[in-house]
Amino acid sequence: MRKELAEVEIDETLPRIKVPPADLEKHLRNHDLDPNISTEPLQLFSDGHFNEAVRKASERLEDFVQETSNLGLSVWI
């Protein structure tokens, strides 16, 4: 197995996960964010998963709009 691991070539051009600057994260955590965003989406953002954080926040927003407007999923299909 060591031989196989030694032969593995890692693509160094792949993007690396970068966490946001500490002051930005602190600002966001101290901001009065909606609970739908201040939980999982904010944690994803803090961990450097920016695209996933935006996707999750968008899903939460969509759910909120559907609940608030009393429109079910059947309206969108």
PDB file of N, CA and C in Angstrom:
ATOM      1  N   MET A   1       0.810  -1.177   0.000  1.00  0.00           N
ATOM      2  CA  MET A   1       0.000   0.000   0.000  1.00  0.00           C
ATOM      3  C   MET A   1       0.869   1.263   0.000  1.00  0.00           C
ATOM      4  N   ARG A   2       2.021   1.205   0.641  1.00  0.00           N
ATOM      5  CA  ARG A   2       2.915   2.362   0.650  1.00  0.00           C
ATOM      6  C   ARG A   2       3.358   2.720  -0.761  1.00  0.00           C
ATOM      7  N   LYS A   3       3.560   1.701  -1.560  1.00  0.00           N
ATOM      8  CA  LYS A   3       3.976   1.946  -2.942  1.00  0.00           C
ATOM      9  C   LYS A   3       2.877   2.690  -3.693  1.00  0.00           C
ATOM     10  N   GLU A   4       1.639   2.251  -3.514  1.00  0.00           N
ATOM     11  CA  GLU A   4       0.517   2.908  -4.185  1.00  0.00           C
ATOM     12  C   GLU A   4       0.359   4.351  -3.717  1.00  0.00           C
ATOM     13  N   LEU A   5       0.500   4.574  -2.418  1.00  0.00           N
ATOM     14  CA  LEU A   5       0.401   5.936  -1.901  1.00  0.00           C
ATOM     15  C   LEU A   5       1.520   6.824  -2.431  1.00  0.00           C
ATOM     16  N   ALA A   6       2.700   6.279  -2.553  1.00  0.00           N
ATOM     17  CA  ALA A   6       3.831   7.048  -3.070  1.00  0.00           C
ATOM     18  C   ALA A   6       3.623   7.419  -4.535  1.00  0.00           C
ATOM     19  N   GLU A   7       2.866   6.610  -5.258  1.00  0.00           N
ATOM     20  CA  GLU A   7       2.636   6.873  -6.675  1.00  0.00           C
ATOM     21  C   GLU A   7       1.471   7.817  -6.941  1.00  0.00           C
ATOM     22  N   VAL A   8       0.719   8.157  -5.905  1.00  0.00           N
ATOM     23  CA  VAL A   8      -0.424   9.056  -6.072  1.00  0.00           C
ATOM     24  C   VAL A   8       0.085  10.456  -6.396  1.00  0.00           C
ATOM     25  N   GLU A   9      -0.468  11.019  -7.465  1.00  0.00           N
ATOM     26  CA  GLU A   9      -0.107  12.383  -7.849  1.00  0.00           C
ATOM     27  C   GLU A   9      -1.254  13.309  -7.458  1.00  0.00           C
ATOM     28  N   ILE A  10      -0.937  14.340  -6.701  1.00  0.00           N
ATOM     29  CA  ILE A  10      -1.943  15.291  -6.240  1.00  0.00           C
ATOM     30  C   ILE A  10      -1.941  16.494  -7.176  1.00  0.00           C
ATOM     31  N   ASP A  11      -3.117  16.844  -7.633  1.00  0.00           N
ATOM     32  CA  ASP A  11      -3.266  17.999  -8.514  1.00  0.00           C
ATOM     33  C   ASP A  11      -3.184  19.268  -7.665  1.00  0.00           C
ATOM     34  N   GLU A  12      -2.059  19.948  -7.709  1.00  0.00           N
ATOM     35  CA  GLU A  12      -1.841  21.148  -6.903  1.00  0.00           C
ATOM     36  C   GLU A  12      -2.628  22.351  -7.416  1.00  0.00           C
ATOM     37  N   THR A  13      -3.261  22.233  -8.580  1.00  0.00           N
ATOM     38  CA  THR A  13      -4.026  23.355  -9.119  1.00  0.00           C
ATOM     39  C   THR A  13      -5.438  23.414  -8.555  1.00  0.00           C
ATOM     40  N   LEU A  14      -5.860  22.367  -7.835  1.00  0.00           N
ATOM     41  CA  LEU A  14      -7.190  22.366  -7.242  1.00  0.00           C
ATOM     42  C   LEU A  14      -7.274  23.451  -6.172  1.00  0.00           C
ATOM     43  N   PRO A  15      -8.414  24.118  -6.088  1.00  0.00           N
ATOM     44  CA  PRO A  15      -8.527  25.169  -5.067  1.00  0.00           C
ATOM     45  C   PRO A  15      -8.503  24.577  -3.664  1.00  0.00           C
ATOM     46  N   ARG A  16      -7.944  25.321  -2.763  1.00  0.00           N
ATOM     47  CA  ARG A  16      -7.891  24.895  -1.368  1.00  0.00           C
ATOM     48  C   ARG A  16      -8.940  25.668  -0.587  1.00  0.00           C
ATOM     49  N   ILE A  17      -9.456  25.036   0.446  1.00  0.00           N
ATOM     50  CA  ILE A  17     -10.442  25.703   1.296  1.00  0.00           C
ATOM     51  C   ILE A  17      -9.721  26.747   2.135  1.00  0.00           C
ATOM     52  N   LYS A  18     -10.249  27.955   2.097  1.00  0.00           N
ATOM     53  CA  LYS A  18      -9.687  29.038   2.893  1.00  0.00           C
ATOM     54  C   LYS A  18     -10.781  29.548   3.816  1.00  0.00           C
ATOM     55  N   VAL A  19     -10.441  29.684   5.076  1.00  0.00           N
ATOM     56  CA  VAL A  19     -11.412  30.191   6.028  1.00  0.00           C
ATOM     57  C   VAL A  19     -11.432  31.714   5.947  1.00  0.00           C
ATOM     58  N   PRO A  20     -12.563  32.331   6.300  1.00  0.00           N
ATOM     59  CA  PRO A  20     -12.650  33.786   6.249  1.00  0.00           C
ATOM     60  C   PRO A  20     -11.760  34.415   7.324  1.00  0.00           C
ATOM     61  N   PRO A  21     -11.389  35.671   7.134  1.00  0.00           N
ATOM     62  CA  PRO A  21     -10.590  36.350   8.166  1.00  0.00           C
ATOM     63  C   PRO A  21     -11.334  36.360   9.501  1.00  0.00           C
ATOM     64  N   ALA A  22     -10.594  36.276  10.571  1.00  0.00           N
ATOM     65  CA  ALA A  22     -11.185  36.193  11.915  1.00  0.00           C
ATOM     66  C   ALA A  22     -12.066  37.390  12.223  1.00  0.00           C
ATOM     67  N   ASP A  23     -11.669  38.592  11.772  1.00  0.00           N
ATOM     68  CA  ASP A  23     -12.487  39.770  12.081  1.00  0.00           C
ATOM     69  C   ASP A  23     -13.831  39.726  11.359  1.00  0.00           C
ATOM     70  N   LEU A  24     -13.868  39.187  10.145  1.00  0.00           N
ATOM     71  CA  LEU A  24     -15.137  39.048   9.421  1.00  0.00           C
ATOM     72  C   LEU A  24     -16.036  38.030  10.124  1.00  0.00           C
ATOM     73  N   GLU A  25     -15.468  36.911  10.501  1.00  0.00           N
ATOM     74  CA  GLU A  25     -16.261  35.887  11.195  1.00  0.00           C
ATOM     75  C   GLU A  25     -16.803  36.439  12.518  1.00  0.00           C
ATOM     76  N   LYS A  26     -15.970  37.153  13.266  1.00  0.00           N
ATOM     77  CA  LYS A  26     -16.408  37.747  14.530  1.00  0.00           C
ATOM     78  C   LYS A  26     -17.543  38.737  14.296  1.00  0.00           C
ATOM     79  N   HIS A  27     -17.402  39.554  13.267  1.00  0.00           N
ATOM     80  CA  HIS A  27     -18.447  40.531  12.943  1.00  0.00           C
ATOM     81  C   HIS A  27     -19.766  39.825  12.632  1.00  0.00           C
ATOM     82  N   LEU A  28     -19.715  38.773  11.826  1.00  0.00           N
ATOM     83  CA  LEU A  28     -20.927  38.046  11.472  1.00  0.00           C
ATOM     84  C   LEU A  28     -21.554  37.370  12.689  1.00  0.00           C
ATOM     85  N   ARG A  29     -20.742  36.789  13.539  1.00  0.00           N
ATOM     86  CA  ARG A  29     -21.276  36.102  14.729  1.00  0.00           C
ATOM     87  C   ARG A  29     -21.882  37.091  15.723  1.00  0.00           C
ATOM     88  N   ASN A  30     -21.383  38.325  15.750  1.00  0.00           N
ATOM     89  CA  ASN A  30     -21.917  39.334  16.665  1.00  0.00           C
ATOM     90  C   ASN A  30     -23.087  40.097  16.061  1.00  0.00           C
ATOM     91  N   HIS A  31     -23.339  39.888  14.783  1.00  0.00           N
ATOM     92  CA  HIS A  31     -24.439  40.568  14.110  1.00  0.00           C
ATOM     93  C   HIS A  31     -25.748  39.825  14.429  1.00  0.00           C
ATOM     94  N   ASP A  32     -26.830  40.545  14.456  1.00  0.00           N
ATOM     95  CA  ASP A  32     -28.132  39.949  14.769  1.00  0.00           C
ATOM     96  C   ASP A  32     -28.705  39.268  13.518  1.00  0.00           C
ATOM     97  N   LEU A  33     -28.138  38.117  13.179  1.00  0.00           N
ATOM     98  CA  LEU A  33     -28.584  37.374  12.004  1.00  0.00           C
ATOM     99  C   LEU A  33     -29.832  36.563  12.333  1.00  0.00           C
ATOM    100  N   ASP A  34     -30.636  36.343  11.328  1.00  0.00           N
ATOM    101  CA  ASP A  34     -31.801  35.474  11.477  1.00  0.00           C
ATOM    102  C   ASP A  34     -31.317  34.088  11.894  1.00  0.00           C
ATOM    103  N   PRO A  35     -32.035  33.425  12.799  1.00  0.00           N
ATOM    104  CA  PRO A  35     -31.630  32.088  13.244  1.00  0.00           C
ATOM    105  C   PRO A  35     -31.487  31.082  12.098  1.00  0.00           C
ATOM    106  N   ASN A  36     -32.233  31.272  11.023  1.00  0.00           N
ATOM    107  CA  ASN A  36     -32.108  30.365   9.879  1.00  0.00           C
ATOM    108  C   ASN A  36     -30.736  30.462   9.221  1.00  0.00           C
ATOM    109  N   ILE A  37     -30.088  31.600   9.371  1.00  0.00           N
ATOM    110  CA  ILE A  37     -28.783  31.801   8.744  1.00  0.00           C
ATOM    111  C   ILE A  37     -27.658  31.669   9.758  1.00  0.00           C
ATOM    112  N   SER A  38     -27.931  31.996  11.007  1.00  0.00           N
ATOM    113  CA  SER A  38     -26.870  32.018  12.011  1.00  0.00           C
ATOM    114  C   SER A  38     -26.478  30.638  12.514  1.00  0.00           C
ATOM    115  N   THR A  39     -27.110  29.609  12.017  1.00  0.00           N
ATOM    116  CA  THR A  39     -26.772  28.253  12.461  1.00  0.00           C
ATOM    117  C   THR A  39     -25.898  27.566  11.417  1.00  0.00           C
ATOM    118  N   GLU A  40     -26.431  26.600  10.737  1.00  0.00           N
ATOM    119  CA  GLU A  40     -25.652  25.788   9.789  1.00  0.00           C
ATOM    120  C   GLU A  40     -25.002  26.602   8.671  1.00  0.00           C
ATOM    121  N   PRO A  41     -25.722  27.523   8.009  1.00  0.00           N
ATOM    122  CA  PRO A  41     -25.056  28.294   6.945  1.00  0.00           C
ATOM    123  C   PRO A  41     -23.852  29.094   7.447  1.00  0.00           C
ATOM    124  N   LEU A  42     -23.955  29.701   8.619  1.00  0.00           N
ATOM    125  CA  LEU A  42     -22.839  30.471   9.153  1.00  0.00           C
ATOM    126  C   LEU A  42     -21.672  29.569   9.519  1.00  0.00           C
ATOM    127  N   GLN A  43     -21.966  28.392  10.044  1.00  0.00           N
ATOM    128  CA  GLN A  43     -20.887  27.454  10.369  1.00  0.00           C
ATOM    129  C   GLN A  43     -20.177  26.986   9.103  1.00  0.00           C
ATOM    130  N   LEU A  44     -20.934  26.704   8.052  1.00  0.00           N
ATOM    131  CA  LEU A  44     -20.321  26.324   6.776  1.00  0.00           C
ATOM    132  C   LEU A  44     -19.411  27.436   6.272  1.00  0.00           C
ATOM    133  N   PHE A  45     -19.886  28.680   6.370  1.00  0.00           N
ATOM    134  CA  PHE A  45     -19.082  29.836   5.958  1.00  0.00           C
ATOM    135  C   PHE A  45     -17.803  29.913   6.782  1.00  0.00           C
ATOM    136  N   SER A  46     -17.929  29.751   8.093  1.00  0.00           N
ATOM    137  CA  SER A  46     -16.770  29.827   8.981  1.00  0.00           C
ATOM    138  C   SER A  46     -15.746  28.743   8.679  1.00  0.00           C
ATOM    139  N   ASP A  47     -16.223  27.598   8.204  1.00  0.00           N
ATOM    140  CA  ASP A  47     -15.331  26.486   7.867  1.00  0.00           C
ATOM    141  C   ASP A  47     -14.721  26.626   6.477  1.00  0.00           C
ATOM    142  N   GLY A  48     -15.098  27.687   5.752  1.00  0.00           N
ATOM    143  CA  GLY A  48     -14.517  27.920   4.437  1.00  0.00           C
ATOM    144  C   GLY A  48     -15.308  27.333   3.288  1.00  0.00           C
ATOM    145  N   HIS A  49     -16.487  26.820   3.551  1.00  0.00           N
ATOM    146  CA  HIS A  49     -17.329  26.228   2.509  1.00  0.00           C
ATOM    147  C   HIS A  49     -18.320  27.290   2.018  1.00  0.00           C
ATOM    148  N   PHE A  50     -17.796  28.282   1.310  1.00  0.00           N
ATOM    149  CA  PHE A  50     -18.578  29.452   0.943  1.00  0.00           C
ATOM    150  C   PHE A  50     -19.757  29.119   0.027  1.00  0.00           C
ATOM    151  N   ASN A  51     -19.526  28.347  -1.009  1.00  0.00           N
ATOM    152  CA  ASN A  51     -20.610  28.001  -1.936  1.00  0.00           C
ATOM    153  C   ASN A  51     -21.708  27.222  -1.238  1.00  0.00           C
ATOM    154  N   GLU A  52     -21.318  26.272  -0.411  1.00  0.00           N
ATOM    155  CA  GLU A  52     -22.302  25.469   0.323  1.00  0.00           C
ATOM    156  C   GLU A  52     -23.071  26.337   1.323  1.00  0.00           C
ATOM    157  N   ALA A  53     -22.391  27.298   1.938  1.00  0.00           N
ATOM    158  CA  ALA A  53     -23.051  28.202   2.886  1.00  0.00           C
ATOM    159  C   ALA A  53     -24.119  29.035   2.187  1.00  0.00           C
ATOM    160  N   VAL A  54     -23.796  29.536   1.005  1.00  0.00           N
ATOM    161  CA  VAL A  54     -24.765  30.333   0.247  1.00  0.00           C
ATOM    162  C   VAL A  54     -25.937  29.465  -0.198  1.00  0.00           C
ATOM    163  N   ARG A  55     -25.638  28.255  -0.643  1.00  0.00           N
ATOM    164  CA  ARG A  55     -26.702  27.344  -1.071  1.00  0.00           C
ATOM    165  C   ARG A  55     -27.645  27.035   0.091  1.00  0.00           C
ATOM    166  N   LYS A  56     -27.073  26.732   1.248  1.00  0.00           N
ATOM    167  CA  LYS A  56     -27.885  26.393   2.417  1.00  0.00           C
ATOM    168  C   LYS A  56     -28.714  27.602   2.864  1.00  0.00           C
ATOM    169  N   ALA A  57     -28.128  28.789   2.864  1.00  0.00           N
ATOM    170  CA  ALA A  57     -28.872  29.991   3.243  1.00  0.00           C
ATOM    171  C   ALA A  57     -29.999  30.256   2.248  1.00  0.00           C
ATOM    172  N   SER A  58     -29.756  30.015   0.972  1.00  0.00           N
ATOM    173  CA  SER A  58     -30.793  30.193  -0.050  1.00  0.00           C
ATOM    174  C   SER A  58     -31.944  29.219   0.147  1.00  0.00           C
ATOM    175  N   GLU A  59     -31.621  27.980   0.495  1.00  0.00           N
ATOM    176  CA  GLU A  59     -32.666  26.987   0.773  1.00  0.00           C
ATOM    177  C   GLU A  59     -33.519  27.429   1.956  1.00  0.00           C
ATOM    178  N   ARG A  60     -32.850  27.918   2.994  1.00  0.00           N
ATOM    179  CA  ARG A  60     -33.580  28.378   4.174  1.00  0.00           C
ATOM    180  C   ARG A  60     -34.477  29.567   3.838  1.00  0.00           C
ATOM    181  N   LEU A  61     -33.983  30.483   3.000  1.00  0.00           N
ATOM    182  CA  LEU A  61     -34.776  31.637   2.582  1.00  0.00           C
ATOM    183  C   LEU A  61     -35.992  31.189   1.776  1.00  0.00           C
ATOM    184  N   GLU A  62     -35.790  30.249   0.868  1.00  0.00           N
ATOM    185  CA  GLU A  62     -36.898  29.732   0.068  1.00  0.00           C
ATOM    186  C   GLU A  62     -37.967  29.099   0.961  1.00  0.00           C
ATOM    187  N   ASP A  63     -37.526  28.309   1.935  1.00  0.00           N
ATOM    188  CA  ASP A  63     -38.477  27.694   2.877  1.00  0.00           C
ATOM    189  C   ASP A  63     -39.251  28.767   3.647  1.00  0.00           C
ATOM    190  N   PHE A  64     -38.536  29.800   4.096  1.00  0.00           N
ATOM    191  CA  PHE A  64     -39.173  30.886   4.845  1.00  0.00           C
ATOM    192  C   PHE A  64     -40.219  31.597   3.997  1.00  0.00           C
ATOM    193  N   VAL A  65     -39.895  31.879   2.739  1.00  0.00           N
ATOM    194  CA  VAL A  65     -40.839  32.568   1.849  1.00  0.00           C
ATOM    195  C   VAL A  65     -42.074  31.699   1.616  1.00  0.00           C
ATOM    196  N   GLN A  66     -41.877  30.404   1.401  1.00  0.00           N
ATOM    197  CA  GLN A  66     -43.016  29.514   1.194  1.00  0.00           C
ATOM    198  C   GLN A  66     -43.901  29.448   2.433  1.00  0.00           C
ATOM    199  N   GLU A  67     -43.293  29.360   3.605  1.00  0.00           N
ATOM    200  CA  GLU A  67     -44.080  29.298   4.841  1.00  0.00           C
ATOM    201  C   GLU A  67     -44.813  30.612   5.094  1.00  0.00           C
ATOM    202  N   THR A  68     -44.129  31.722   4.898  1.00  0.00           N
ATOM    203  CA  THR A  68     -44.713  33.032   5.165  1.00  0.00           C
ATOM    204  C   THR A  68     -45.843  33.361   4.198  1.00  0.00           C
ATOM    205  N   SER A  69     -45.681  32.968   2.958  1.00  0.00           N
ATOM    206  CA  SER A  69     -46.683  33.286   1.947  1.00  0.00           C
ATOM    207  C   SER A  69     -47.801  32.250   1.876  1.00  0.00           C
ATOM    208  N   ASN A  70     -47.677  31.195   2.672  1.00  0.00           N
ATOM    209  CA  ASN A  70     -48.642  30.089   2.648  1.00  0.00           C
ATOM    210  C   ASN A  70     -48.739  29.424   1.280  1.00  0.00           C
ATOM    211  N   LEU A  71     -47.667  29.495   0.532  1.00  0.00           N
ATOM    212  CA  LEU A  71     -47.617  28.813  -0.762  1.00  0.00           C
ATOM    213  C   LEU A  71     -46.846  27.519  -0.583  1.00  0.00           C
ATOM    214  N   GLY A  72     -47.418  26.443  -1.025  1.00  0.00           N
ATOM    215  CA  GLY A  72     -46.746  25.158  -0.930  1.00  0.00           C
ATOM    216  C   GLY A  72     -45.872  24.920  -2.142  1.00  0.00           C
ATOM    217  N   LEU A  73     -45.155  23.846  -2.107  1.00  0.00           N
ATOM    218  CA  LEU A  73     -44.286  23.480  -3.209  1.00  0.00           C
ATOM    219  C   LEU A  73     -45.075  23.241  -4.490  1.00  0.00           C
ATOM    220  N   SER A  74     -46.342  22.839  -4.365  1.00  0.00           N
ATOM    221  CA  SER A  74     -47.152  22.538  -5.543  1.00  0.00           C
ATOM    222  C   SER A  74     -47.326  23.755  -6.451  1.00  0.00           C
ATOM    223  N   VAL A  75     -47.210  24.947  -5.898  1.00  0.00           N
ATOM    224  CA  VAL A  75     -47.349  26.166  -6.715  1.00  0.00           C
ATOM    225  C   VAL A  75     -46.179  26.302  -7.672  1.00  0.00           C
ATOM    226  N   TRP A  76     -44.993  25.822  -7.262  1.00  0.00           N
ATOM    227  CA  TRP A  76     -43.796  25.986  -8.065  1.00  0.00           C
ATOM    228  C   TRP A  76     -43.628  24.890  -9.112  1.00  0.00           C
ATOM    229  N   ILE A  77     -44.395  23.833  -9.000  1.00  0.00           N
ATOM    230  CA  ILE A  77     -44.204  22.704  -9.931  1.00  0.00           C
ATOM    231  C   ILE A  77     -45.122  22.850 -11.123  1.00  0.00           C
TER     232      ILE A  77
END
